[in-house]
Amino acid sequence: MKSTRSLATSWPVAEKWCWDTNMEWPGLSGSPFSATPASFQDAVRTLNTLQTNAGYLEQAKRQRGDPQTQLEAMELYLARSGLQVEDLDRLNIIHVTGTKGKGSTCAFTERILRSYGLKTGFFSSPHLVQVRERIRINGQPISPELFTKHFWHLYHQLEETKDNSSCASMPAYFRFLTLMAFHVFLQEKVDLAVVEVGIGGTYDCTNIIRKPVVCGVSSLGIDHTNLLGDTVEKIAWQKGGIFKPGVPAFTVLQPDSPLAVLRDRAQQISCPLYLCPPLDALEEGGPPLMLGLDGDHQRSNAALALQLARCWLQQQDHQGIGELKSSRLSLHQQLPLAPVFQPTSRMCDGLRDTEWPGRTQVLQRGPLTWYLDGAHTSSSMQACVRWFHQALQSHQRPGSEPEVRVLLFNSTGDRDPAALLKLLQPCKFDYAVFCPNLTEVSSMGNADQQNFTVTLDQVLLRCLEHQQHWSRLDEGQVGPDLWGTPGPETAGPTSLLPTPCPASTHRSSSLVFSCISHALQWISQGRDPVFQHPASPRGLLAHPVADSGASVLGSAAAIHVLVTGSLHLVGGVLRLLEPSLAQ
């Protein structure tokens, strides 16, 4: 297939791009200045005006030289909200950080402990579809009514206690949600709270937690370099900032250098740090553990979750925490090894029943198979590609009917999109599609989609840059297929099996769409039984590549779509493919 670059313009050329960035919301119903009842959407719109994550990152970067100042500011917000740091001790917190897998680790941990009949709280970020996903009770996002109630209570409390001489009368977006989560968990009287660090550890606003029951560090890698540092050692130092004196902590196997940093940080803080044995050691002598999340990399997250859950149960004097067993594992030179034990039936049930949307998730819809993974770092993208390869093999269809592979990609922030796209090259996509993390061009009716930091022009230019990176990689690729062991030769470049031909023989076409909805309309061609858009926008097939591709996609026996590069992109896709998540 010939390499083709195009901008699939799904709007008239003269049309003015309109997005919520430039919108004002005077007289919001339910706001402090209105007597009408508050709604969930009003609460989310007001939350969005506080400050978005991009702005918070820049603010944190400026202030990171004095982490104590940041933590003191967060403690002051907590006090103004009516709580003291000591109140958080009642939440029996499990505090988890890491570069990749920390959300999945938290999800595994929460589900294991819920299987013991415990009432769980779970604070995570970012959200995929609705902001209330960030605060969960017993695995479920809090209801719109509960979110609205707690939002306005906290908002009014902070408004009433603000210092007029201070320019920071209201906390930023993530800080506000962190405060709100603490209030919700305390008022709902959870038995424990699993708290995922936002960014880093040392300077993260969740780090006002004084006495967690146990801490965890998932796999480390390079991310948020402007804030955390440009080496994995600097990032490890930041992550180790959540360690607390006398509080046990666990980590998975890391490269020697960052592992040494974690060890030194733990020793300085007088924190007992343990290395998790691999899941194989816990399975030895028993049946293999079934995981609710796909991908080999999830085994590391599950191993960490088992240690966190068992330690929490042990610290709280629970019975039935798994019998210790002998192991042939040798002690690691840098850290003592965590216990090798036989997972209990409740632990096994929790691992099996864990759900964490948008991470190694597969949706089968007629001829379309959607593969969703929010990988956004080089290491997580490598894991994503391995998972996609395995998943393709299990979902391939018998016969020689034509099958098509499509990449839907976006990347934001300070990530290196060229590096991520290079890792995706061996997948041999027939089409590479790029679009912003925006469900519709105008998101007036959906406060969860508002973004006040960028314009539509800016995000579309970023997508065009991604397309240019892809084109250069596509034209310059050389060497053999690095995806896996070559399989039997099959006809055509759209074969799902790795082939022995050099990668340079395959070319993909690329397109840019203005929003996720338009991209999904083109990819699915009306063949997804759930995603049925009422009408295609004018100009969707205006470009020859979009027109010819529509014919290919409309007649293919199977269409395999990998959505990756950004959790926000995955969330927007899920909003359209799983409408119930937005209700």
Protein backbone atom coordinates (compact mmCIF):
# COMPACT_ATOMS: atom_id res chain seq x y z
CA MET A 1 0.00 0.00 0.00
CA LYS A 2 1.44 3.35 -0.98
CA SER A 3 2.32 5.78 1.79
CA THR A 4 -0.12 8.68 1.80
CA ARG A 5 -0.43 11.66 4.13
CA SER A 6 -3.63 13.63 4.29
CA LEU A 7 -5.76 15.83 6.47
CA ALA A 8 -9.24 14.34 6.38
CA THR A 9 -11.12 17.57 6.89
CA SER A 10 -14.50 16.75 8.34
CA TRP A 11 -15.63 20.38 8.43
CA PRO A 12 -16.04 23.04 5.71
CA VAL A 13 -12.81 24.93 5.12
CA ALA A 14 -14.41 28.24 6.02
CA GLU A 15 -16.03 26.87 9.19
CA LYS A 16 -14.86 28.51 12.40
CA TRP A 17 -13.43 25.98 14.84
CA CYS A 18 -15.43 26.33 18.04
CA TRP A 19 -14.37 24.72 21.29
CA ASP A 20 -15.06 25.17 24.98
CA THR A 21 -11.66 26.79 25.48
CA ASN A 22 -13.15 30.14 24.48
CA MET A 23 -16.49 29.70 26.19
CA GLU A 24 -17.66 31.53 29.27
CA TRP A 25 -20.20 30.18 31.70
CA PRO A 26 -21.99 33.16 33.26
CA GLY A 27 -24.65 32.48 35.84
CA LEU A 28 -24.01 28.76 36.28
CA SER A 29 -27.01 27.16 37.95
CA GLY A 30 -26.04 25.72 41.29
CA SER A 31 -22.97 27.94 41.61
CA PRO A 32 -22.37 29.94 44.78
CA PHE A 33 -24.05 32.89 43.05
CA SER A 34 -27.26 31.09 42.10
CA ALA A 35 -30.22 29.94 44.13
CA THR A 36 -31.25 27.22 41.68
CA PRO A 37 -30.40 23.57 42.47
CA ALA A 38 -26.92 22.41 41.60
CA SER A 39 -26.37 19.74 38.98
CA PHE A 40 -23.50 17.34 38.44
CA GLN A 41 -22.55 19.09 35.19
CA ASP A 42 -22.51 22.47 36.99
CA ALA A 43 -20.16 21.04 39.60
CA VAL A 44 -17.82 19.66 36.94
CA ARG A 45 -17.81 22.92 35.00
CA THR A 46 -16.91 24.85 38.13
CA LEU A 47 -14.22 22.30 39.00
CA ASN A 48 -12.74 22.75 35.53
CA THR A 49 -12.31 26.48 36.11
CA LEU A 50 -10.02 25.91 39.09
CA GLN A 51 -7.06 24.78 37.06
CA THR A 52 -6.33 21.92 34.72
CA ASN A 53 -3.57 19.37 35.02
CA ALA A 54 -1.35 21.13 32.47
CA GLY A 55 -1.40 24.30 34.51
CA TYR A 56 -0.81 22.38 37.71
CA LEU A 57 2.27 20.74 36.21
CA GLU A 58 3.74 24.11 35.31
CA GLN A 59 2.96 25.48 38.77
CA ALA A 60 4.49 22.43 40.45
CA LYS A 61 7.58 22.71 38.26
CA ARG A 62 8.12 26.30 39.41
CA GLN A 63 7.66 25.40 43.07
CA ARG A 64 9.46 22.06 43.26
CA GLY A 65 12.59 23.59 44.75
CA ASP A 66 10.77 23.81 48.08
CA PRO A 67 8.60 20.71 48.51
CA GLN A 68 7.88 21.60 52.13
CA THR A 69 6.13 24.77 50.97
CA GLN A 70 3.88 22.75 48.68
CA LEU A 71 2.98 20.21 51.33
CA GLU A 72 2.33 22.96 53.86
CA ALA A 73 0.02 24.66 51.35
CA MET A 74 -1.87 21.38 50.88
CA GLU A 75 -2.13 20.96 54.65
CA LEU A 76 -3.53 24.49 54.89
CA TYR A 77 -6.18 23.67 52.30
CA LEU A 78 -6.99 20.53 54.26
CA ALA A 79 -7.38 22.56 57.47
CA ARG A 80 -9.57 25.13 55.70
CA SER A 81 -11.75 22.26 54.48
CA GLY A 82 -12.36 21.21 58.08
CA LEU A 83 -9.85 18.35 58.43
CA GLN A 84 -6.46 17.87 60.01
CA VAL A 85 -3.67 15.66 58.71
CA GLU A 86 -4.23 13.36 61.68
CA ASP A 87 -7.78 12.68 60.45
CA LEU A 88 -6.37 10.91 57.41
CA ASP A 89 -4.80 8.25 59.64
CA ARG A 90 -8.31 6.83 60.14
CA LEU A 91 -8.48 5.90 56.45
CA ASN A 92 -5.95 3.03 56.74
CA ILE A 93 -4.35 4.13 53.48
CA ILE A 94 -2.41 2.09 50.93
CA HIS A 95 -0.26 4.65 49.06
CA VAL A 96 1.03 3.65 45.60
CA THR A 97 3.35 5.37 43.14
CA GLY A 98 5.32 4.35 40.05
CA THR A 99 5.69 5.26 36.39
CA LYS A 100 3.70 2.48 34.76
CA GLY A 101 1.24 0.06 36.28
CA LYS A 102 0.44 2.00 39.44
CA GLY A 103 -3.23 2.33 38.50
CA SER A 104 -3.51 -1.36 37.64
CA THR A 105 -1.70 -2.25 40.88
CA CYS A 106 -4.21 -0.15 42.83
CA ALA A 107 -7.11 -1.78 40.99
CA PHE A 108 -5.82 -5.28 41.80
CA THR A 109 -5.20 -4.30 45.44
CA GLU A 110 -8.62 -2.75 45.93
CA ARG A 111 -10.40 -5.72 44.38
CA ILE A 112 -8.47 -8.24 46.51
CA LEU A 113 -9.38 -6.45 49.73
CA ARG A 114 -12.98 -5.99 48.65
CA SER A 115 -13.18 -9.76 48.23
CA TYR A 116 -12.56 -9.96 52.01
CA GLY A 117 -15.81 -8.08 52.60
CA LEU A 118 -14.11 -4.77 53.36
CA LYS A 119 -15.58 -1.42 52.36
CA THR A 120 -13.00 0.16 50.07
CA GLY A 121 -12.23 3.66 48.88
CA PHE A 122 -10.09 4.17 45.77
CA PHE A 123 -8.67 7.49 44.53
CA SER A 124 -7.04 7.44 41.08
CA SER A 125 -6.27 9.64 38.11
CA PRO A 126 -6.92 10.50 35.39
CA HIS A 127 -10.53 9.65 34.67
CA LEU A 128 -11.56 8.11 31.37
CA VAL A 129 -15.14 9.25 30.84
CA GLN A 130 -16.45 11.03 33.94
CA VAL A 131 -14.50 12.79 36.68
CA ARG A 132 -16.38 10.91 39.40
CA GLU A 133 -14.47 7.76 38.35
CA ARG A 134 -11.52 9.18 40.30
CA ILE A 135 -13.32 8.62 43.62
CA ARG A 136 -14.71 5.10 44.04
CA ILE A 137 -16.50 3.31 46.84
CA ASN A 138 -16.43 -0.49 46.66
CA GLY A 139 -15.05 -0.30 43.14
CA GLN A 140 -17.83 1.91 41.78
CA PRO A 141 -17.51 5.61 40.92
CA ILE A 142 -19.43 7.73 43.40
CA SER A 143 -22.86 8.72 42.13
CA PRO A 144 -23.44 12.08 40.43
CA GLU A 145 -25.57 13.08 43.42
CA LEU A 146 -22.84 12.22 45.95
CA PHE A 147 -20.20 13.94 43.82
CA THR A 148 -22.34 17.09 43.55
CA LYS A 149 -23.10 17.13 47.28
CA HIS A 150 -19.46 16.81 48.35
CA PHE A 151 -18.17 19.15 45.65
CA TRP A 152 -20.34 22.09 46.67
CA HIS A 153 -19.83 21.45 50.38
CA LEU A 154 -16.07 21.60 49.93
CA TYR A 155 -16.22 24.50 47.48
CA HIS A 156 -18.34 26.63 49.83
CA GLN A 157 -16.14 25.73 52.81
CA LEU A 158 -13.00 26.86 50.96
CA GLU A 159 -14.73 30.02 49.70
CA GLU A 160 -15.77 30.95 53.23
CA THR A 161 -12.29 30.43 54.67
CA LYS A 162 -10.23 32.07 51.94
CA ASP A 163 -7.69 34.72 52.80
CA ASN A 164 -8.30 37.81 50.68
CA SER A 165 -4.59 38.59 50.75
CA SER A 166 -3.78 35.27 49.15
CA CYS A 167 -3.92 34.70 45.41
CA ALA A 168 -4.38 30.95 45.95
CA SER A 169 -7.77 31.05 47.66
CA MET A 170 -8.90 27.87 45.90
CA PRO A 171 -6.76 24.76 45.33
CA ALA A 172 -5.92 23.58 41.83
CA TYR A 173 -7.96 20.90 40.07
CA PHE A 174 -6.08 17.82 41.28
CA ARG A 175 -5.58 19.19 44.79
CA PHE A 176 -9.31 19.90 45.06
CA LEU A 177 -10.20 16.36 44.02
CA THR A 178 -7.66 14.93 46.46
CA LEU A 179 -9.25 16.90 49.30
CA MET A 180 -12.69 15.86 48.15
CA ALA A 181 -11.68 12.18 48.08
CA PHE A 182 -10.49 12.36 51.69
CA HIS A 183 -13.80 13.93 52.74
CA VAL A 184 -15.85 11.34 50.85
CA PHE A 185 -13.90 8.39 52.27
CA LEU A 186 -14.19 9.68 55.83
CA GLN A 187 -17.89 10.43 55.59
CA GLU A 188 -18.63 7.10 53.90
CA LYS A 189 -16.64 5.34 56.65
CA VAL A 190 -14.53 3.12 54.40
CA ASP A 191 -12.41 0.41 56.00
CA LEU A 192 -9.44 1.40 53.86
CA ALA A 193 -8.47 3.76 51.04
CA VAL A 194 -6.20 2.91 48.13
CA VAL A 195 -4.60 6.20 47.06
CA GLU A 196 -2.74 6.48 43.76
CA VAL A 197 -0.11 9.21 43.57
CA GLY A 198 -0.82 11.81 40.89
CA ILE A 199 2.69 12.67 39.68
CA GLY A 200 5.99 11.68 41.27
CA GLY A 201 5.71 11.27 45.02
CA THR A 202 7.78 13.72 47.03
CA TYR A 203 5.96 16.81 45.80
CA ASP A 204 2.59 15.18 45.10
CA CYS A 205 -0.30 16.59 47.06
CA THR A 206 -1.33 13.10 48.22
CA ASN A 207 1.93 13.03 50.18
CA ILE A 208 0.37 14.87 53.12
CA ILE A 209 -0.57 11.36 54.23
CA ARG A 210 1.48 10.83 57.41
CA LYS A 211 0.78 7.24 58.39
CA PRO A 212 -0.24 4.94 55.56
CA VAL A 213 -0.50 1.27 56.46
CA VAL A 214 1.73 0.25 53.54
CA CYS A 215 3.31 1.84 50.44
CA GLY A 216 4.06 0.45 46.97
CA VAL A 217 6.23 1.42 44.00
CA SER A 218 5.38 -0.10 40.62
CA SER A 219 7.71 -0.22 37.60
CA LEU A 220 9.79 2.90 37.04
CA GLY A 221 10.50 4.61 33.73
CA ILE A 222 10.80 7.99 32.05
CA ASP A 223 7.76 10.30 32.24
CA HIS A 224 6.99 13.90 33.26
CA THR A 225 10.67 14.74 32.80
CA ASN A 226 10.08 18.49 33.09
CA LEU A 227 8.81 17.93 36.60
CA LEU A 228 10.52 14.80 37.91
CA GLY A 229 13.93 14.86 36.18
CA ASP A 230 15.39 13.49 32.99
CA THR A 231 16.87 10.23 34.32
CA VAL A 232 15.25 7.19 35.86
CA GLU A 233 17.44 7.71 38.95
CA LYS A 234 16.04 11.21 39.52
CA ILE A 235 12.54 9.86 38.99
CA ALA A 236 13.21 7.03 41.48
CA TRP A 237 14.23 9.64 44.07
CA GLN A 238 10.92 11.43 43.55
CA LYS A 239 8.89 8.22 43.81
CA GLY A 240 10.68 7.21 47.02
CA GLY A 241 9.36 10.38 48.62
CA ILE A 242 6.20 8.56 49.71
CA PHE A 243 8.18 6.30 52.08
CA LYS A 244 7.40 6.89 55.76
CA PRO A 245 9.35 5.92 58.89
CA GLY A 246 8.47 2.42 60.06
CA VAL A 247 5.85 1.92 57.33
CA PRO A 248 6.56 -1.17 55.21
CA ALA A 249 6.97 -0.59 51.48
CA PHE A 250 7.21 -2.93 48.50
CA THR A 251 8.55 -2.57 44.99
CA VAL A 252 8.90 -4.78 41.94
CA LEU A 253 12.18 -5.66 40.28
CA GLN A 254 13.76 -2.53 38.81
CA PRO A 255 17.04 -1.88 37.00
CA ASP A 256 19.92 -1.84 39.48
CA SER A 257 20.53 1.91 39.47
CA PRO A 258 16.99 3.15 40.28
CA LEU A 259 16.56 0.24 42.69
CA ALA A 260 19.63 1.48 44.55
CA VAL A 261 18.09 4.95 44.75
CA LEU A 262 14.89 3.49 46.23
CA ARG A 263 16.96 1.49 48.72
CA ASP A 264 18.92 4.58 49.80
CA ARG A 265 15.77 6.68 50.13
CA ALA A 266 14.17 3.99 52.28
CA GLN A 267 17.23 3.76 54.52
CA GLN A 268 17.37 7.54 54.96
CA ILE A 269 13.71 7.59 55.98
CA SER A 270 13.94 4.41 58.10
CA CYS A 271 11.36 2.70 55.91
CA PRO A 272 11.54 -1.12 55.60
CA LEU A 273 11.55 -1.74 51.83
CA TYR A 274 11.04 -5.19 50.31
CA LEU A 275 11.37 -6.60 46.82
CA CYS A 276 8.35 -8.53 45.53
CA PRO A 277 9.06 -12.07 44.36
CA PRO A 278 7.71 -12.75 40.86
CA LEU A 279 4.21 -14.15 40.50
CA ASP A 280 5.71 -17.46 39.38
CA ALA A 281 7.07 -18.01 42.89
CA LEU A 282 3.63 -17.56 44.44
CA GLU A 283 2.06 -19.90 41.87
CA GLU A 284 4.63 -22.63 42.51
CA GLY A 285 2.96 -25.78 43.76
CA GLY A 286 -0.52 -24.54 42.92
CA PRO A 287 -2.71 -23.64 39.94
CA PRO A 288 -1.80 -20.61 37.79
CA LEU A 289 -3.34 -17.35 38.92
CA MET A 290 -5.98 -15.92 36.59
CA LEU A 291 -5.80 -12.15 36.12
CA GLY A 292 -8.69 -9.92 35.14
CA LEU A 293 -6.29 -7.67 33.22
CA ASP A 294 -4.55 -8.97 30.10
CA GLY A 295 -0.87 -8.66 29.24
CA ASP A 296 2.29 -10.23 30.63
CA HIS A 297 3.24 -6.92 32.27
CA GLN A 298 0.18 -7.19 34.53
CA ARG A 299 1.83 -10.10 36.33
CA SER A 300 4.30 -7.68 37.92
CA ASN A 301 1.44 -5.41 39.01
CA ALA A 302 -0.47 -8.38 40.44
CA ALA A 303 2.60 -9.54 42.38
CA LEU A 304 2.93 -6.10 43.97
CA ALA A 305 -0.81 -5.94 44.71
CA LEU A 306 -0.71 -9.30 46.51
CA GLN A 307 2.07 -8.10 48.80
CA LEU A 308 0.29 -4.79 49.51
CA ALA A 309 -2.99 -6.55 50.28
CA ARG A 310 -1.39 -9.22 52.45
CA CYS A 311 0.66 -6.66 54.38
CA TRP A 312 -2.44 -4.51 54.96
CA LEU A 313 -4.40 -7.53 56.22
CA GLN A 314 -1.51 -8.52 58.46
CA GLN A 315 -1.12 -5.02 59.91
CA GLN A 316 -4.85 -4.92 60.64
CA ASP A 317 -4.73 -8.35 62.34
CA HIS A 318 -6.92 -10.09 59.77
CA GLN A 319 -6.94 -13.85 59.51
CA GLY A 320 -6.58 -15.83 56.28
CA ILE A 321 -3.69 -13.95 54.72
CA GLY A 322 -1.98 -16.86 52.96
CA GLU A 323 0.44 -19.41 54.36
CA LEU A 324 4.15 -18.84 53.91
CA LYS A 325 5.95 -21.41 51.81
CA SER A 326 9.54 -22.23 51.06
CA SER A 327 11.07 -20.92 47.87
CA ARG A 328 14.21 -21.51 45.88
CA LEU A 329 14.51 -17.82 45.10
CA SER A 330 17.84 -16.32 46.07
CA LEU A 331 17.91 -13.07 48.00
CA HIS A 332 18.49 -9.96 45.91
CA GLN A 333 21.69 -8.22 46.85
CA GLN A 334 20.11 -4.80 47.28
CA LEU A 335 16.83 -5.53 49.08
CA PRO A 336 15.32 -8.21 51.30
CA LEU A 337 12.77 -10.38 49.57
CA ALA A 338 9.09 -10.04 50.48
CA PRO A 339 7.32 -13.17 51.75
CA VAL A 340 6.59 -16.01 49.35
CA PHE A 341 3.14 -17.27 50.28
CA GLN A 342 0.20 -19.24 48.94
CA PRO A 343 -2.48 -16.78 47.80
CA THR A 344 -5.82 -17.41 49.48
CA SER A 345 -8.99 -18.16 47.53
CA ARG A 346 -10.19 -14.61 48.20
CA MET A 347 -6.97 -13.21 46.80
CA CYS A 348 -7.34 -15.40 43.71
CA ASP A 349 -10.93 -14.24 43.28
CA GLY A 350 -9.87 -10.62 43.59
CA LEU A 351 -7.16 -10.94 40.94
CA ARG A 352 -9.52 -12.73 38.57
CA ASP A 353 -12.36 -10.24 39.01
CA THR A 354 -10.30 -7.05 38.68
CA GLU A 355 -11.55 -4.61 36.07
CA TRP A 356 -9.65 -1.51 35.00
CA PRO A 357 -11.05 -0.03 31.77
CA GLY A 358 -8.75 1.42 29.15
CA ARG A 359 -5.81 -0.79 30.02
CA THR A 360 -5.26 -3.84 27.78
CA GLN A 361 -9.01 -3.83 27.12
CA VAL A 362 -10.61 -5.59 24.15
CA LEU A 363 -14.08 -4.87 22.78
CA GLN A 364 -15.43 -7.24 20.12
CA ARG A 365 -18.08 -5.60 17.95
CA GLY A 366 -19.14 -7.50 14.83
CA PRO A 367 -16.27 -7.29 12.33
CA LEU A 368 -14.49 -4.70 14.48
CA THR A 369 -12.19 -5.50 17.38
CA TRP A 370 -11.11 -2.52 19.46
CA TYR A 371 -7.87 -2.83 21.46
CA LEU A 372 -7.67 -0.08 24.08
CA ASP A 373 -4.56 0.71 26.08
CA GLY A 374 -3.58 4.10 27.49
CA ALA A 375 0.18 3.51 27.16
CA HIS A 376 1.97 6.86 27.00
CA THR A 377 5.61 6.14 27.93
CA SER A 378 8.22 4.20 26.00
CA SER A 379 8.25 1.30 28.45
CA SER A 380 4.46 1.06 28.63
CA MET A 381 4.23 1.28 24.83
CA GLN A 382 6.63 -1.65 24.50
CA ALA A 383 4.34 -3.64 26.79
CA CYS A 384 1.32 -2.48 24.78
CA VAL A 385 2.85 -3.68 21.50
CA ARG A 386 3.61 -7.11 23.00
CA TRP A 387 0.07 -7.37 24.33
CA PHE A 388 -1.42 -6.26 21.00
CA HIS A 389 0.61 -8.89 19.18
CA GLN A 390 -0.64 -11.63 21.49
CA ALA A 391 -4.21 -10.36 21.41
CA LEU A 392 -4.20 -10.24 17.59
CA GLN A 393 -3.21 -13.87 17.41
CA SER A 394 -6.05 -14.89 19.70
CA HIS A 395 -8.61 -12.82 17.76
CA GLN A 396 -7.53 -13.66 14.22
CA ARG A 397 -10.18 -15.25 12.06
CA PRO A 398 -9.88 -18.42 10.00
CA GLY A 399 -9.74 -18.18 6.24
CA SER A 400 -8.03 -15.81 3.85
CA GLU A 401 -10.56 -12.96 3.86
CA PRO A 402 -8.92 -9.50 3.96
CA GLU A 403 -8.30 -8.08 7.42
CA VAL A 404 -7.30 -4.50 8.16
CA ARG A 405 -5.25 -3.03 11.01
CA VAL A 406 -5.80 0.56 12.11
CA LEU A 407 -3.89 2.69 14.61
CA LEU A 408 -5.76 5.49 16.40
CA PHE A 409 -3.18 7.61 18.24
CA ASN A 410 -2.65 10.83 20.12
CA SER A 411 -0.01 12.04 22.55
CA THR A 412 0.00 15.10 24.80
CA GLY A 413 2.20 16.93 27.26
CA ASP A 414 5.97 16.57 27.22
CA ARG A 415 6.01 13.01 25.85
CA ASP A 416 8.07 12.16 22.79
CA PRO A 417 5.51 11.10 20.15
CA ALA A 418 8.19 10.11 17.63
CA ALA A 419 9.63 7.59 20.09
CA LEU A 420 6.19 6.14 20.83
CA LEU A 421 5.27 5.91 17.15
CA LYS A 422 8.56 4.22 16.33
CA LEU A 423 7.69 1.45 18.78
CA LEU A 424 4.35 0.99 16.99
CA GLN A 425 5.91 0.62 13.52
CA PRO A 426 6.38 -3.19 13.69
CA CYS A 427 2.62 -3.63 14.07
CA LYS A 428 2.27 -3.00 10.30
CA PHE A 429 -0.88 -0.90 10.38
CA ASP A 430 -2.71 -0.31 7.12
CA TYR A 431 -4.01 3.04 8.34
CA ALA A 432 -2.70 5.42 11.01
CA VAL A 433 -5.36 7.83 12.25
CA PHE A 434 -4.63 10.85 14.44
CA CYS A 435 -7.12 13.05 16.30
CA PRO A 436 -7.30 15.22 19.45
CA ASN A 437 -8.58 13.88 22.78
CA LEU A 438 -11.93 15.45 22.06
CA THR A 439 -15.08 13.40 21.59
CA GLU A 440 -16.85 16.03 19.50
CA VAL A 441 -15.60 19.24 17.89
CA SER A 442 -17.87 21.19 20.24
CA SER A 443 -18.34 19.76 23.74
CA MET A 444 -20.86 22.28 25.08
CA GLY A 445 -23.13 19.63 26.57
CA ASN A 446 -20.36 17.67 28.24
CA ALA A 447 -18.47 19.32 31.07
CA ASP A 448 -16.16 16.32 31.44
CA GLN A 449 -14.74 17.15 27.99
CA GLN A 450 -13.90 20.77 28.76
CA ASN A 451 -10.28 21.82 28.46
CA PHE A 452 -9.29 25.39 29.27
CA THR A 453 -5.58 25.17 28.47
CA VAL A 454 -5.44 24.60 24.71
CA THR A 455 -7.32 25.60 21.58
CA LEU A 456 -8.56 23.30 18.86
CA ASP A 457 -5.99 24.82 16.52
CA GLN A 458 -3.19 23.81 18.88
CA VAL A 459 -4.29 20.22 19.33
CA LEU A 460 -4.87 19.76 15.60
CA LEU A 461 -1.38 21.07 14.86
CA ARG A 462 -0.06 18.52 17.33
CA CYS A 463 -1.94 15.79 15.44
CA LEU A 464 -0.43 16.96 12.17
CA GLU A 465 3.00 16.73 13.76
CA HIS A 466 2.21 13.14 14.78
CA GLN A 467 1.20 12.40 11.19
CA GLN A 468 4.49 13.86 9.92
CA HIS A 469 6.48 11.75 12.41
CA TRP A 470 4.61 8.65 11.23
CA SER A 471 5.23 9.45 7.58
CA ARG A 472 8.95 9.90 8.14
CA LEU A 473 9.14 6.64 10.08
CA ASP A 474 7.09 4.88 7.41
CA GLU A 475 9.35 6.08 4.61
CA GLY A 476 12.59 5.41 6.46
CA GLN A 477 11.94 2.04 8.05
CA VAL A 478 14.54 -0.61 7.27
CA GLY A 479 15.53 -4.01 8.54
CA PRO A 480 13.56 -7.11 9.47
CA ASP A 481 10.28 -7.31 11.32
CA LEU A 482 11.11 -6.92 15.01
CA TRP A 483 7.64 -7.86 16.25
CA GLY A 484 8.09 -11.56 16.74
CA THR A 485 9.17 -14.84 15.28
CA PRO A 486 8.16 -14.93 11.61
CA GLY A 487 5.11 -17.04 10.93
CA PRO A 488 3.91 -18.73 7.76
CA GLU A 489 3.63 -16.50 4.73
CA THR A 490 0.17 -15.28 3.88
CA ALA A 491 -1.15 -13.18 1.07
CA GLY A 492 -1.11 -9.40 1.27
CA PRO A 493 0.36 -6.82 3.64
CA THR A 494 -2.73 -6.86 5.86
CA SER A 495 -1.96 -10.29 7.27
CA LEU A 496 -2.19 -10.43 11.05
CA LEU A 497 0.74 -12.81 11.40
CA PRO A 498 4.32 -11.56 11.53
CA THR A 499 5.91 -12.21 8.17
CA PRO A 500 9.54 -12.76 7.20
CA CYS A 501 9.53 -9.94 4.67
CA PRO A 502 11.47 -6.78 5.61
CA ALA A 503 9.48 -4.03 7.26
CA SER A 504 10.27 -1.61 4.43
CA THR A 505 7.83 -3.47 2.13
CA HIS A 506 4.83 -2.24 4.12
CA ARG A 507 3.39 1.26 3.86
CA SER A 508 0.42 2.72 5.67
CA SER A 509 -1.89 5.59 4.84
CA SER A 510 -2.42 8.29 7.45
CA LEU A 511 -5.23 10.71 8.19
CA VAL A 512 -6.06 13.42 10.72
CA PHE A 513 -9.59 14.03 11.98
CA SER A 514 -10.88 16.92 14.06
CA CYS A 515 -12.34 14.78 16.84
CA ILE A 516 -12.71 11.19 18.05
CA SER A 517 -16.28 10.86 16.81
CA HIS A 518 -15.31 11.63 13.21
CA ALA A 519 -12.35 9.24 13.42
CA LEU A 520 -14.56 6.42 14.72
CA GLN A 521 -17.17 7.07 12.05
CA TRP A 522 -14.55 6.66 9.34
CA ILE A 523 -12.93 3.60 10.92
CA SER A 524 -16.15 1.74 11.70
CA GLN A 525 -18.06 2.62 8.51
CA GLY A 526 -21.33 1.97 10.33
CA ARG A 527 -20.33 -1.63 11.07
CA ASP A 528 -20.06 -1.32 14.86
CA PRO A 529 -23.47 -2.35 16.23
CA VAL A 530 -23.16 -0.05 19.26
CA PHE A 531 -21.47 3.04 17.81
CA GLN A 532 -24.01 4.24 15.29
CA HIS A 533 -23.61 7.96 14.61
CA PRO A 534 -26.81 9.45 13.14
CA ALA A 535 -25.11 11.04 10.13
CA SER A 536 -21.63 11.52 8.79
CA PRO A 537 -20.49 15.16 8.80
CA ARG A 538 -20.08 16.92 5.50
CA GLY A 539 -16.66 16.40 4.01
CA LEU A 540 -15.74 13.27 5.99
CA LEU A 541 -14.69 11.50 2.76
CA ALA A 542 -13.47 14.60 0.94
CA HIS A 543 -9.89 13.38 0.66
CA PRO A 544 -9.05 10.49 -1.72
CA VAL A 545 -7.39 8.48 1.07
CA ALA A 546 -10.48 8.75 3.25
CA ASP A 547 -12.67 7.82 0.29
CA SER A 548 -10.65 4.80 -0.83
CA GLY A 549 -10.06 3.71 2.75
CA ALA A 550 -13.78 3.77 3.44
CA SER A 551 -14.26 1.23 0.68
CA VAL A 552 -11.53 -1.02 2.12
CA LEU A 553 -12.90 -0.78 5.65
CA GLY A 554 -16.46 -1.28 4.47
CA SER A 555 -15.65 -4.63 2.85
CA ALA A 556 -12.96 -6.04 5.18
CA ALA A 557 -13.75 -9.33 6.89
CA ALA A 558 -12.21 -7.99 10.11
CA ILE A 559 -10.94 -4.63 11.33
CA HIS A 560 -8.47 -4.54 14.23
CA VAL A 561 -8.12 -1.09 15.83
CA LEU A 562 -5.45 -0.25 18.40
CA VAL A 563 -6.24 2.91 20.39
CA THR A 564 -3.22 4.11 22.35
CA GLY A 565 -0.85 6.97 23.24
CA SER A 566 -3.09 8.71 25.76
CA LEU A 567 -5.51 7.64 28.48
CA HIS A 568 -7.61 10.67 27.60
CA LEU A 569 -7.92 9.44 24.00
CA VAL A 570 -8.91 5.99 25.26
CA GLY A 571 -11.49 7.60 27.54
CA GLY A 572 -13.02 9.55 24.68
CA VAL A 573 -13.26 6.39 22.58
CA LEU A 574 -14.87 4.49 25.47
CA ARG A 575 -17.42 7.27 25.91
CA LEU A 576 -18.64 6.59 22.36
CA LEU A 577 -18.23 2.81 22.27
CA GLU A 578 -19.70 2.23 25.75
CA PRO A 579 -22.39 4.94 26.13
CA SER A 580 -23.48 3.53 29.51
CA LEU A 581 -20.19 4.79 31.03
CA ALA A 582 -21.30 8.37 30.41
CA GLN A 583 -24.64 7.98 32.19
